[in-house]
Amino acid sequence: MNASTQAEIQKIVSAEEWQLRVDLAACYRLVALYGWSDLIFTHITARVPGPEHHFLINPYGLMFDEITASSLVKIDQECNKIIDSPYPVNPAGFVIHSAIHAAREDIQCVLHTHTRAGVGVSAQKEGILPISQQSTFVLASLAYHGYEGVAVRDDEKPRLQNDLGHCNFLMLRNHGLLTVGKSIADAFLSMYTFESTCQIQLAAQSGGGELTQVDPRIVEGVGHAMKVQTGGMGGSFVWPSLIRKLDRLDPSYKT
């Protein structure tokens, strides 16, 4: 997007929405930076504040490291564009996201990935094992959803919603990982933990030895530990440092 387009978008959206766009574009760049993207596939969506039930989603066809604040597409619950955009959107890709946003008014962001580690563990019958500190954070709020083929059918939505419930981590069997958050920062930090959990599990299993599991009582008490770890601020505790990292590398996501 050029500067004039950025200026045009800023004129017609609120300051709050513009900041949301900047944060969501940053999240896309960070997903690419950490190697979680799958070419142009998968999505990260954010609910725009207000009663209209509008959302921001990636312009379909751009790599995650190309996405900017002004290139994000604003859509409604049916994936219709609210603001004209030269970029297409992927209605099929919005099926999972629209279902979760509709069921969870408490969350702002839905982040979905197809990483090798995530898909690999999603194919394991026992799913996430309590074998690392990271896994205890995930297990404290983890749900599973069985594979029903490529998620393009609306009739899958109720099952997705029921399976997720009030959890913040969802393992899509044979498919990938999904996190939700009250903010973009929360969803990103949760995905960082989820992805790390899967990578650690595969690494531990590759050693071939017997695995030591964490005492279930420790998993039950992990909520307090999470608050201590982030100062009670969740993802917002680490988000400023991630933004500084992006700004050093390439601040064009802000345009």
C-alpha atoms as a PDB file:
ATOM      1  CA  MET A   1       0.000   0.000   0.000  1.00  0.00           C
ATOM      2  CA  ASN A   2       1.254   3.479  -0.793  1.00  0.00           C
ATOM      3  CA  ALA A   3       1.197   6.493   1.515  1.00  0.00           C
ATOM      4  CA  SER A   4      -1.918   7.990  -0.072  1.00  0.00           C
ATOM      5  CA  THR A   5      -3.889   4.790   0.587  1.00  0.00           C
ATOM      6  CA  GLN A   6      -2.698   4.786   4.174  1.00  0.00           C
ATOM      7  CA  ALA A   7      -3.907   8.367   4.545  1.00  0.00           C
ATOM      8  CA  GLU A   8      -7.258   7.491   2.963  1.00  0.00           C
ATOM      9  CA  ILE A   9      -7.839   4.593   5.352  1.00  0.00           C
ATOM     10  CA  GLN A  10      -6.848   6.656   8.381  1.00  0.00           C
ATOM     11  CA  LYS A  11      -9.386   9.323   7.398  1.00  0.00           C
ATOM     12  CA  ILE A  12     -12.335   6.935   7.441  1.00  0.00           C
ATOM     13  CA  VAL A  13     -11.571   4.777  10.485  1.00  0.00           C
ATOM     14  CA  SER A  14     -11.373   5.675  14.148  1.00  0.00           C
ATOM     15  CA  ALA A  15      -8.061   6.105  15.941  1.00  0.00           C
ATOM     16  CA  GLU A  16      -8.918   2.947  17.891  1.00  0.00           C
ATOM     17  CA  GLU A  17      -9.426   0.936  14.712  1.00  0.00           C
ATOM     18  CA  TRP A  18      -6.224   2.266  13.194  1.00  0.00           C
ATOM     19  CA  GLN A  19      -4.240   1.135  16.240  1.00  0.00           C
ATOM     20  CA  LEU A  20      -5.939  -2.262  15.980  1.00  0.00           C
ATOM     21  CA  ARG A  21      -4.851  -2.428  12.339  1.00  0.00           C
ATOM     22  CA  VAL A  22      -1.260  -1.630  13.280  1.00  0.00           C
ATOM     23  CA  ASP A  23      -1.247  -4.307  15.980  1.00  0.00           C
ATOM     24  CA  LEU A  24      -2.810  -6.922  13.702  1.00  0.00           C
ATOM     25  CA  ALA A  25      -0.353  -6.154  10.894  1.00  0.00           C
ATOM     26  CA  ALA A  26       2.432  -6.487  13.463  1.00  0.00           C
ATOM     27  CA  CYS A  27       1.021  -9.866  14.505  1.00  0.00           C
ATOM     28  CA  TYR A  28       1.081 -11.107  10.903  1.00  0.00           C
ATOM     29  CA  ARG A  29       4.697  -9.954  10.541  1.00  0.00           C
ATOM     30  CA  LEU A  30       5.655 -11.666  13.808  1.00  0.00           C
ATOM     31  CA  VAL A  31       4.011 -14.931  12.747  1.00  0.00           C
ATOM     32  CA  ALA A  32       6.116 -14.796   9.575  1.00  0.00           C
ATOM     33  CA  LEU A  33       9.234 -13.842  11.525  1.00  0.00           C
ATOM     34  CA  TYR A  34       8.902 -16.813  13.882  1.00  0.00           C
ATOM     35  CA  GLY A  35       8.303 -19.214  10.994  1.00  0.00           C
ATOM     36  CA  TRP A  36       4.667 -20.071  11.713  1.00  0.00           C
ATOM     37  CA  SER A  37       3.179 -18.947   8.391  1.00  0.00           C
ATOM     38  CA  ASP A  38       2.016 -21.317   5.654  1.00  0.00           C
ATOM     39  CA  LEU A  39       2.604 -19.251   2.496  1.00  0.00           C
ATOM     40  CA  ILE A  40      -0.593 -17.182   2.100  1.00  0.00           C
ATOM     41  CA  PHE A  41      -2.770 -19.666   4.013  1.00  0.00           C
ATOM     42  CA  THR A  42      -4.223 -19.484   7.545  1.00  0.00           C
ATOM     43  CA  HIS A  43      -5.604 -16.297   9.041  1.00  0.00           C
ATOM     44  CA  ILE A  44      -5.468 -14.005  12.028  1.00  0.00           C
ATOM     45  CA  THR A  45      -8.638 -11.997  12.664  1.00  0.00           C
ATOM     46  CA  ALA A  46      -9.441  -9.174  15.046  1.00  0.00           C
ATOM     47  CA  ARG A  47     -12.852  -7.850  16.096  1.00  0.00           C
ATOM     48  CA  VAL A  48     -13.276  -4.128  15.487  1.00  0.00           C
ATOM     49  CA  PRO A  49     -14.712  -2.398  18.587  1.00  0.00           C
ATOM     50  CA  GLY A  50     -18.361  -1.420  18.185  1.00  0.00           C
ATOM     51  CA  PRO A  51     -21.824  -2.990  17.836  1.00  0.00           C
ATOM     52  CA  GLU A  52     -21.503  -3.730  14.091  1.00  0.00           C
ATOM     53  CA  HIS A  53     -19.625  -7.040  14.452  1.00  0.00           C
ATOM     54  CA  HIS A  54     -16.948  -6.078  11.958  1.00  0.00           C
ATOM     55  CA  PHE A  55     -13.569  -7.788  11.672  1.00  0.00           C
ATOM     56  CA  LEU A  56     -10.139  -7.285  10.150  1.00  0.00           C
ATOM     57  CA  ILE A  57      -8.576 -10.076   8.103  1.00  0.00           C
ATOM     58  CA  ASN A  58      -5.562 -10.496   5.830  1.00  0.00           C
ATOM     59  CA  PRO A  59      -5.790  -9.576   2.140  1.00  0.00           C
ATOM     60  CA  TYR A  60      -5.803 -13.010   0.532  1.00  0.00           C
ATOM     61  CA  GLY A  61      -2.786 -13.508  -1.691  1.00  0.00           C
ATOM     62  CA  LEU A  62      -0.254 -11.489   0.307  1.00  0.00           C
ATOM     63  CA  MET A  63       2.490 -13.203   2.261  1.00  0.00           C
ATOM     64  CA  PHE A  64       2.325 -12.456   5.965  1.00  0.00           C
ATOM     65  CA  ASP A  65       5.512 -10.377   5.818  1.00  0.00           C
ATOM     66  CA  GLU A  66       3.871  -8.102   3.214  1.00  0.00           C
ATOM     67  CA  ILE A  67       0.798  -7.188   5.240  1.00  0.00           C
ATOM     68  CA  THR A  68       0.349  -3.593   6.406  1.00  0.00           C
ATOM     69  CA  ALA A  69      -2.188  -1.782   8.563  1.00  0.00           C
ATOM     70  CA  SER A  70      -3.918  -0.211   5.564  1.00  0.00           C
ATOM     71  CA  SER A  71      -3.973  -3.389   3.460  1.00  0.00           C
ATOM     72  CA  LEU A  72      -6.017  -5.319   6.040  1.00  0.00           C
ATOM     73  CA  VAL A  73      -9.581  -5.902   4.853  1.00  0.00           C
ATOM     74  CA  LYS A  74     -12.584  -4.943   6.982  1.00  0.00           C
ATOM     75  CA  ILE A  75     -15.449  -7.449   6.722  1.00  0.00           C
ATOM     76  CA  ASP A  76     -18.734  -8.355   8.373  1.00  0.00           C
ATOM     77  CA  GLN A  77     -19.798 -11.698   9.874  1.00  0.00           C
ATOM     78  CA  GLU A  78     -20.594 -13.019   6.383  1.00  0.00           C
ATOM     79  CA  CYS A  79     -17.181 -11.971   5.026  1.00  0.00           C
ATOM     80  CA  ASN A  80     -18.577  -9.063   2.959  1.00  0.00           C
ATOM     81  CA  LYS A  81     -16.193  -6.124   2.569  1.00  0.00           C
ATOM     82  CA  ILE A  82     -17.140  -3.059   4.600  1.00  0.00           C
ATOM     83  CA  ILE A  83     -14.459  -0.826   3.109  1.00  0.00           C
ATOM     84  CA  ASP A  84     -13.564  -1.227  -0.553  1.00  0.00           C
ATOM     85  CA  SER A  85     -10.239  -2.989  -1.077  1.00  0.00           C
ATOM     86  CA  PRO A  86      -8.310  -4.058  -4.177  1.00  0.00           C
ATOM     87  CA  TYR A  87      -7.544  -7.333  -2.420  1.00  0.00           C
ATOM     88  CA  PRO A  88      -9.745 -10.433  -2.250  1.00  0.00           C
ATOM     89  CA  VAL A  89     -10.675 -12.164   0.978  1.00  0.00           C
ATOM     90  CA  ASN A  90     -11.044 -15.896   1.556  1.00  0.00           C
ATOM     91  CA  PRO A  91     -14.584 -16.727   2.762  1.00  0.00           C
ATOM     92  CA  ALA A  92     -13.654 -20.364   3.333  1.00  0.00           C
ATOM     93  CA  GLY A  93     -10.802 -19.292   5.577  1.00  0.00           C
ATOM     94  CA  PHE A  94     -13.193 -17.212   7.648  1.00  0.00           C
ATOM     95  CA  VAL A  95     -15.470 -20.137   8.546  1.00  0.00           C
ATOM     96  CA  ILE A  96     -13.501 -21.120  11.652  1.00  0.00           C
ATOM     97  CA  HIS A  97     -12.913 -17.523  12.689  1.00  0.00           C
ATOM     98  CA  SER A  98     -16.514 -16.379  12.232  1.00  0.00           C
ATOM     99  CA  ALA A  99     -17.748 -19.328  14.292  1.00  0.00           C
ATOM    100  CA  ILE A 100     -15.432 -18.525  17.172  1.00  0.00           C
ATOM    101  CA  HIS A 101     -16.013 -14.767  17.107  1.00  0.00           C
ATOM    102  CA  ALA A 102     -19.784 -15.385  17.139  1.00  0.00           C
ATOM    103  CA  ALA A 103     -19.550 -17.664  20.176  1.00  0.00           C
ATOM    104  CA  ARG A 104     -16.937 -15.760  22.153  1.00  0.00           C
ATOM    105  CA  GLU A 105     -17.851 -12.120  22.679  1.00  0.00           C
ATOM    106  CA  ASP A 106     -15.092 -11.981  25.289  1.00  0.00           C
ATOM    107  CA  ILE A 107     -12.283 -12.352  22.727  1.00  0.00           C
ATOM    108  CA  GLN A 108     -10.896  -9.908  20.188  1.00  0.00           C
ATOM    109  CA  CYS A 109      -8.401 -12.021  18.253  1.00  0.00           C
ATOM    110  CA  VAL A 110      -8.350 -15.506  16.713  1.00  0.00           C
ATOM    111  CA  LEU A 111      -4.964 -16.812  15.523  1.00  0.00           C
ATOM    112  CA  HIS A 112      -4.662 -20.036  13.489  1.00  0.00           C
ATOM    113  CA  THR A 113      -1.508 -21.794  12.233  1.00  0.00           C
ATOM    114  CA  HIS A 114      -0.472 -24.887  10.236  1.00  0.00           C
ATOM    115  CA  THR A 115       3.059 -25.375  11.570  1.00  0.00           C
ATOM    116  CA  ARG A 116       4.814 -28.724  11.204  1.00  0.00           C
ATOM    117  CA  ALA A 117       5.151 -29.112  14.958  1.00  0.00           C
ATOM    118  CA  GLY A 118       1.539 -28.137  15.575  1.00  0.00           C
ATOM    119  CA  VAL A 119       0.118 -30.455  12.927  1.00  0.00           C
ATOM    120  CA  GLY A 120       2.479 -33.203  14.036  1.00  0.00           C
ATOM    121  CA  VAL A 121       1.296 -33.164  17.633  1.00  0.00           C
ATOM    122  CA  SER A 122      -2.333 -32.706  16.541  1.00  0.00           C
ATOM    123  CA  ALA A 123      -2.047 -36.100  14.847  1.00  0.00           C
ATOM    124  CA  GLN A 124      -0.899 -37.807  18.053  1.00  0.00           C
ATOM    125  CA  LYS A 125      -3.718 -39.632  19.844  1.00  0.00           C
ATOM    126  CA  GLU A 126      -2.800 -38.277  23.283  1.00  0.00           C
ATOM    127  CA  GLY A 127      -2.334 -34.723  22.037  1.00  0.00           C
ATOM    128  CA  ILE A 128      -0.431 -32.395  24.352  1.00  0.00           C
ATOM    129  CA  LEU A 129       1.545 -34.254  27.011  1.00  0.00           C
ATOM    130  CA  PRO A 130       2.345 -32.658  30.390  1.00  0.00           C
ATOM    131  CA  ILE A 131       6.108 -32.896  29.933  1.00  0.00           C
ATOM    132  CA  SER A 132       7.265 -29.261  29.977  1.00  0.00           C
ATOM    133  CA  GLN A 133       6.611 -26.023  31.821  1.00  0.00           C
ATOM    134  CA  GLN A 134       5.172 -24.613  28.592  1.00  0.00           C
ATOM    135  CA  SER A 135       2.732 -27.510  28.301  1.00  0.00           C
ATOM    136  CA  THR A 136       1.269 -26.765  31.728  1.00  0.00           C
ATOM    137  CA  PHE A 137       0.189 -23.306  30.554  1.00  0.00           C
ATOM    138  CA  VAL A 138      -1.517 -24.839  27.514  1.00  0.00           C
ATOM    139  CA  LEU A 139      -3.168 -27.703  29.402  1.00  0.00           C
ATOM    140  CA  ALA A 140      -4.745 -25.248  31.815  1.00  0.00           C
ATOM    141  CA  SER A 141      -7.059 -24.056  29.005  1.00  0.00           C
ATOM    142  CA  LEU A 142      -6.927 -26.628  26.181  1.00  0.00           C
ATOM    143  CA  ALA A 143      -9.659 -28.073  23.967  1.00  0.00           C
ATOM    144  CA  TYR A 144      -9.646 -30.407  20.935  1.00  0.00           C
ATOM    145  CA  HIS A 145     -11.695 -30.448  17.742  1.00  0.00           C
ATOM    146  CA  GLY A 146     -11.828 -33.495  15.485  1.00  0.00           C
ATOM    147  CA  TYR A 147     -10.901 -33.240  11.820  1.00  0.00           C
ATOM    148  CA  GLU A 148     -13.869 -32.926   9.447  1.00  0.00           C
ATOM    149  CA  GLY A 149     -12.005 -32.106   6.248  1.00  0.00           C
ATOM    150  CA  VAL A 150     -11.144 -28.640   4.962  1.00  0.00           C
ATOM    151  CA  ALA A 151     -13.180 -26.225   7.086  1.00  0.00           C
ATOM    152  CA  VAL A 152     -15.513 -24.785   4.459  1.00  0.00           C
ATOM    153  CA  ARG A 153     -18.934 -25.935   5.716  1.00  0.00           C
ATOM    154  CA  ASP A 154     -21.129 -23.839   7.977  1.00  0.00           C
ATOM    155  CA  ASP A 155     -22.557 -26.951   9.626  1.00  0.00           C
ATOM    156  CA  GLU A 156     -19.197 -27.480  11.347  1.00  0.00           C
ATOM    157  CA  LYS A 157     -19.493 -24.188  13.216  1.00  0.00           C
ATOM    158  CA  PRO A 158     -21.625 -25.414  16.168  1.00  0.00           C
ATOM    159  CA  ARG A 159     -19.213 -28.267  16.816  1.00  0.00           C
ATOM    160  CA  LEU A 160     -16.244 -25.907  16.719  1.00  0.00           C
ATOM    161  CA  GLN A 161     -17.975 -23.597  19.160  1.00  0.00           C
ATOM    162  CA  ASN A 162     -18.945 -26.403  21.527  1.00  0.00           C
ATOM    163  CA  ASP A 163     -15.481 -27.951  21.451  1.00  0.00           C
ATOM    164  CA  LEU A 164     -13.699 -24.667  22.194  1.00  0.00           C
ATOM    165  CA  GLY A 165     -16.078 -23.667  24.975  1.00  0.00           C
ATOM    166  CA  HIS A 166     -14.338 -21.205  27.275  1.00  0.00           C
ATOM    167  CA  CYS A 167     -10.810 -22.432  26.507  1.00  0.00           C
ATOM    168  CA  ASN A 168      -8.096 -20.252  24.966  1.00  0.00           C
ATOM    169  CA  PHE A 169      -6.138 -23.020  23.198  1.00  0.00           C
ATOM    170  CA  LEU A 170      -7.716 -25.256  20.557  1.00  0.00           C
ATOM    171  CA  MET A 171      -5.923 -28.162  18.903  1.00  0.00           C
ATOM    172  CA  LEU A 172      -7.514 -28.886  15.521  1.00  0.00           C
ATOM    173  CA  ARG A 173      -6.866 -32.597  15.018  1.00  0.00           C
ATOM    174  CA  ASN A 174      -4.732 -33.384  11.924  1.00  0.00           C
ATOM    175  CA  HIS A 175      -4.902 -29.688  11.053  1.00  0.00           C
ATOM    176  CA  GLY A 176      -3.087 -27.258  13.329  1.00  0.00           C
ATOM    177  CA  LEU A 177      -3.245 -24.902  16.272  1.00  0.00           C
ATOM    178  CA  LEU A 178      -5.581 -22.064  17.237  1.00  0.00           C
ATOM    179  CA  THR A 179      -5.527 -19.531  20.037  1.00  0.00           C
ATOM    180  CA  VAL A 180      -7.920 -16.803  21.107  1.00  0.00           C
ATOM    181  CA  GLY A 181      -7.244 -13.732  23.198  1.00  0.00           C
ATOM    182  CA  LYS A 182      -8.894 -10.676  24.700  1.00  0.00           C
ATOM    183  CA  SER A 183      -6.265  -8.790  22.719  1.00  0.00           C
ATOM    184  CA  ILE A 184      -3.982  -9.458  19.766  1.00  0.00           C
ATOM    185  CA  ALA A 185      -1.072  -9.530  22.178  1.00  0.00           C
ATOM    186  CA  ASP A 186      -2.747 -12.228  24.290  1.00  0.00           C
ATOM    187  CA  ALA A 187      -3.502 -14.420  21.271  1.00  0.00           C
ATOM    188  CA  PHE A 188       0.086 -14.091  20.030  1.00  0.00           C
ATOM    189  CA  LEU A 189       1.669 -14.936  23.390  1.00  0.00           C
ATOM    190  CA  SER A 190      -0.640 -17.949  23.693  1.00  0.00           C
ATOM    191  CA  MET A 191       0.393 -19.159  20.238  1.00  0.00           C
ATOM    192  CA  TYR A 192       4.064 -18.677  21.105  1.00  0.00           C
ATOM    193  CA  THR A 193       3.531 -20.942  24.126  1.00  0.00           C
ATOM    194  CA  PHE A 194       1.412 -23.451  22.156  1.00  0.00           C
ATOM    195  CA  GLU A 195       3.947 -23.733  19.336  1.00  0.00           C
ATOM    196  CA  SER A 196       6.853 -24.034  21.786  1.00  0.00           C
ATOM    197  CA  THR A 197       4.975 -26.793  23.626  1.00  0.00           C
ATOM    198  CA  CYS A 198       4.592 -28.786  20.404  1.00  0.00           C
ATOM    199  CA  GLN A 199       8.223 -28.315  19.354  1.00  0.00           C
ATOM    200  CA  ILE A 200       9.456 -29.388  22.794  1.00  0.00           C
ATOM    201  CA  GLN A 201       7.197 -32.466  22.782  1.00  0.00           C
ATOM    202  CA  LEU A 202       8.446 -33.641  19.393  1.00  0.00           C
ATOM    203  CA  ALA A 203      12.052 -33.016  20.450  1.00  0.00           C
ATOM    204  CA  ALA A 204      11.578 -34.975  23.683  1.00  0.00           C
ATOM    205  CA  GLN A 205       9.902 -37.860  21.873  1.00  0.00           C
ATOM    206  CA  SER A 206      12.660 -38.012  19.287  1.00  0.00           C
ATOM    207  CA  GLY A 207      15.128 -38.930  22.027  1.00  0.00           C
ATOM    208  CA  GLY A 208      13.428 -42.285  22.389  1.00  0.00           C
ATOM    209  CA  GLY A 209      13.594 -42.428  26.178  1.00  0.00           C
ATOM    210  CA  GLU A 210      10.790 -42.590  28.732  1.00  0.00           C
ATOM    211  CA  LEU A 211       9.264 -39.161  29.363  1.00  0.00           C
ATOM    212  CA  THR A 212       8.750 -37.685  32.821  1.00  0.00           C
ATOM    213  CA  GLN A 213       5.302 -36.119  33.198  1.00  0.00           C
ATOM    214  CA  VAL A 214       4.427 -33.123  35.341  1.00  0.00           C
ATOM    215  CA  ASP A 215       2.347 -33.816  38.446  1.00  0.00           C
ATOM    216  CA  PRO A 216      -1.346 -33.107  37.636  1.00  0.00           C
ATOM    217  CA  ARG A 217      -1.595 -30.966  40.782  1.00  0.00           C
ATOM    218  CA  ILE A 218       0.946 -28.560  39.289  1.00  0.00           C
ATOM    219  CA  VAL A 219      -1.112 -28.247  36.116  1.00  0.00           C
ATOM    220  CA  GLU A 220      -4.188 -27.458  38.201  1.00  0.00           C
ATOM    221  CA  GLY A 221      -2.398 -24.578  39.903  1.00  0.00           C
ATOM    222  CA  VAL A 222      -0.843 -23.064  36.796  1.00  0.00           C
ATOM    223  CA  GLY A 223      -3.252 -20.118  36.559  1.00  0.00           C
ATOM    224  CA  HIS A 224      -1.547 -18.283  39.411  1.00  0.00           C
ATOM    225  CA  ALA A 225       1.901 -19.022  37.986  1.00  0.00           C
ATOM    226  CA  MET A 226       0.891 -17.511  34.640  1.00  0.00           C
ATOM    227  CA  LYS A 227      -0.147 -14.266  36.322  1.00  0.00           C
ATOM    228  CA  VAL A 228       3.167 -14.078  38.176  1.00  0.00           C
ATOM    229  CA  GLN A 229       5.125 -14.788  34.979  1.00  0.00           C
ATOM    230  CA  THR A 230       3.512 -11.863  33.092  1.00  0.00           C
ATOM    231  CA  GLY A 231       2.934  -9.514  35.999  1.00  0.00           C
ATOM    232  CA  GLY A 232      -0.807 -10.089  35.632  1.00  0.00           C
ATOM    233  CA  MET A 233      -0.729  -8.304  32.266  1.00  0.00           C
ATOM    234  CA  GLY A 234      -0.875 -11.280  29.908  1.00  0.00           C
ATOM    235  CA  GLY A 235       0.368 -10.637  26.381  1.00  0.00           C
ATOM    236  CA  SER A 236       0.601  -6.882  26.906  1.00  0.00           C
ATOM    237  CA  PHE A 237       3.627  -7.547  29.115  1.00  0.00           C
ATOM    238  CA  VAL A 238       5.751  -8.794  26.201  1.00  0.00           C
ATOM    239  CA  TRP A 239       4.056  -6.991  23.280  1.00  0.00           C
ATOM    240  CA  PRO A 240       6.059  -3.705  23.493  1.00  0.00           C
ATOM    241  CA  SER A 241       9.336  -5.613  23.194  1.00  0.00           C
ATOM    242  CA  LEU A 242       8.025  -7.471  20.135  1.00  0.00           C
ATOM    243  CA  ILE A 243       6.997  -4.161  18.544  1.00  0.00           C
ATOM    244  CA  ARG A 244      10.473  -2.746  19.168  1.00  0.00           C
ATOM    245  CA  LYS A 245      11.941  -5.841  17.515  1.00  0.00           C
ATOM    246  CA  LEU A 246       9.745  -5.333  14.437  1.00  0.00           C
ATOM    247  CA  ASP A 247      10.565  -1.634  14.281  1.00  0.00           C
ATOM    248  CA  ARG A 248      14.266  -2.441  14.171  1.00  0.00           C
ATOM    249  CA  LEU A 249      13.755  -4.926  11.340  1.00  0.00           C
ATOM    250  CA  ASP A 250      11.088  -3.278   9.173  1.00  0.00           C
ATOM    251  CA  PRO A 251       8.525  -0.721  10.393  1.00  0.00           C
ATOM    252  CA  SER A 252       6.562  -0.800   7.121  1.00  0.00           C
ATOM    253  CA  TYR A 253       3.786  -2.843   8.784  1.00  0.00           C
ATOM    254  CA  LYS A 254       2.540   0.478  10.215  1.00  0.00           C
ATOM    255  CA  THR A 255       1.690   1.924   6.806  1.00  0.00           C
END
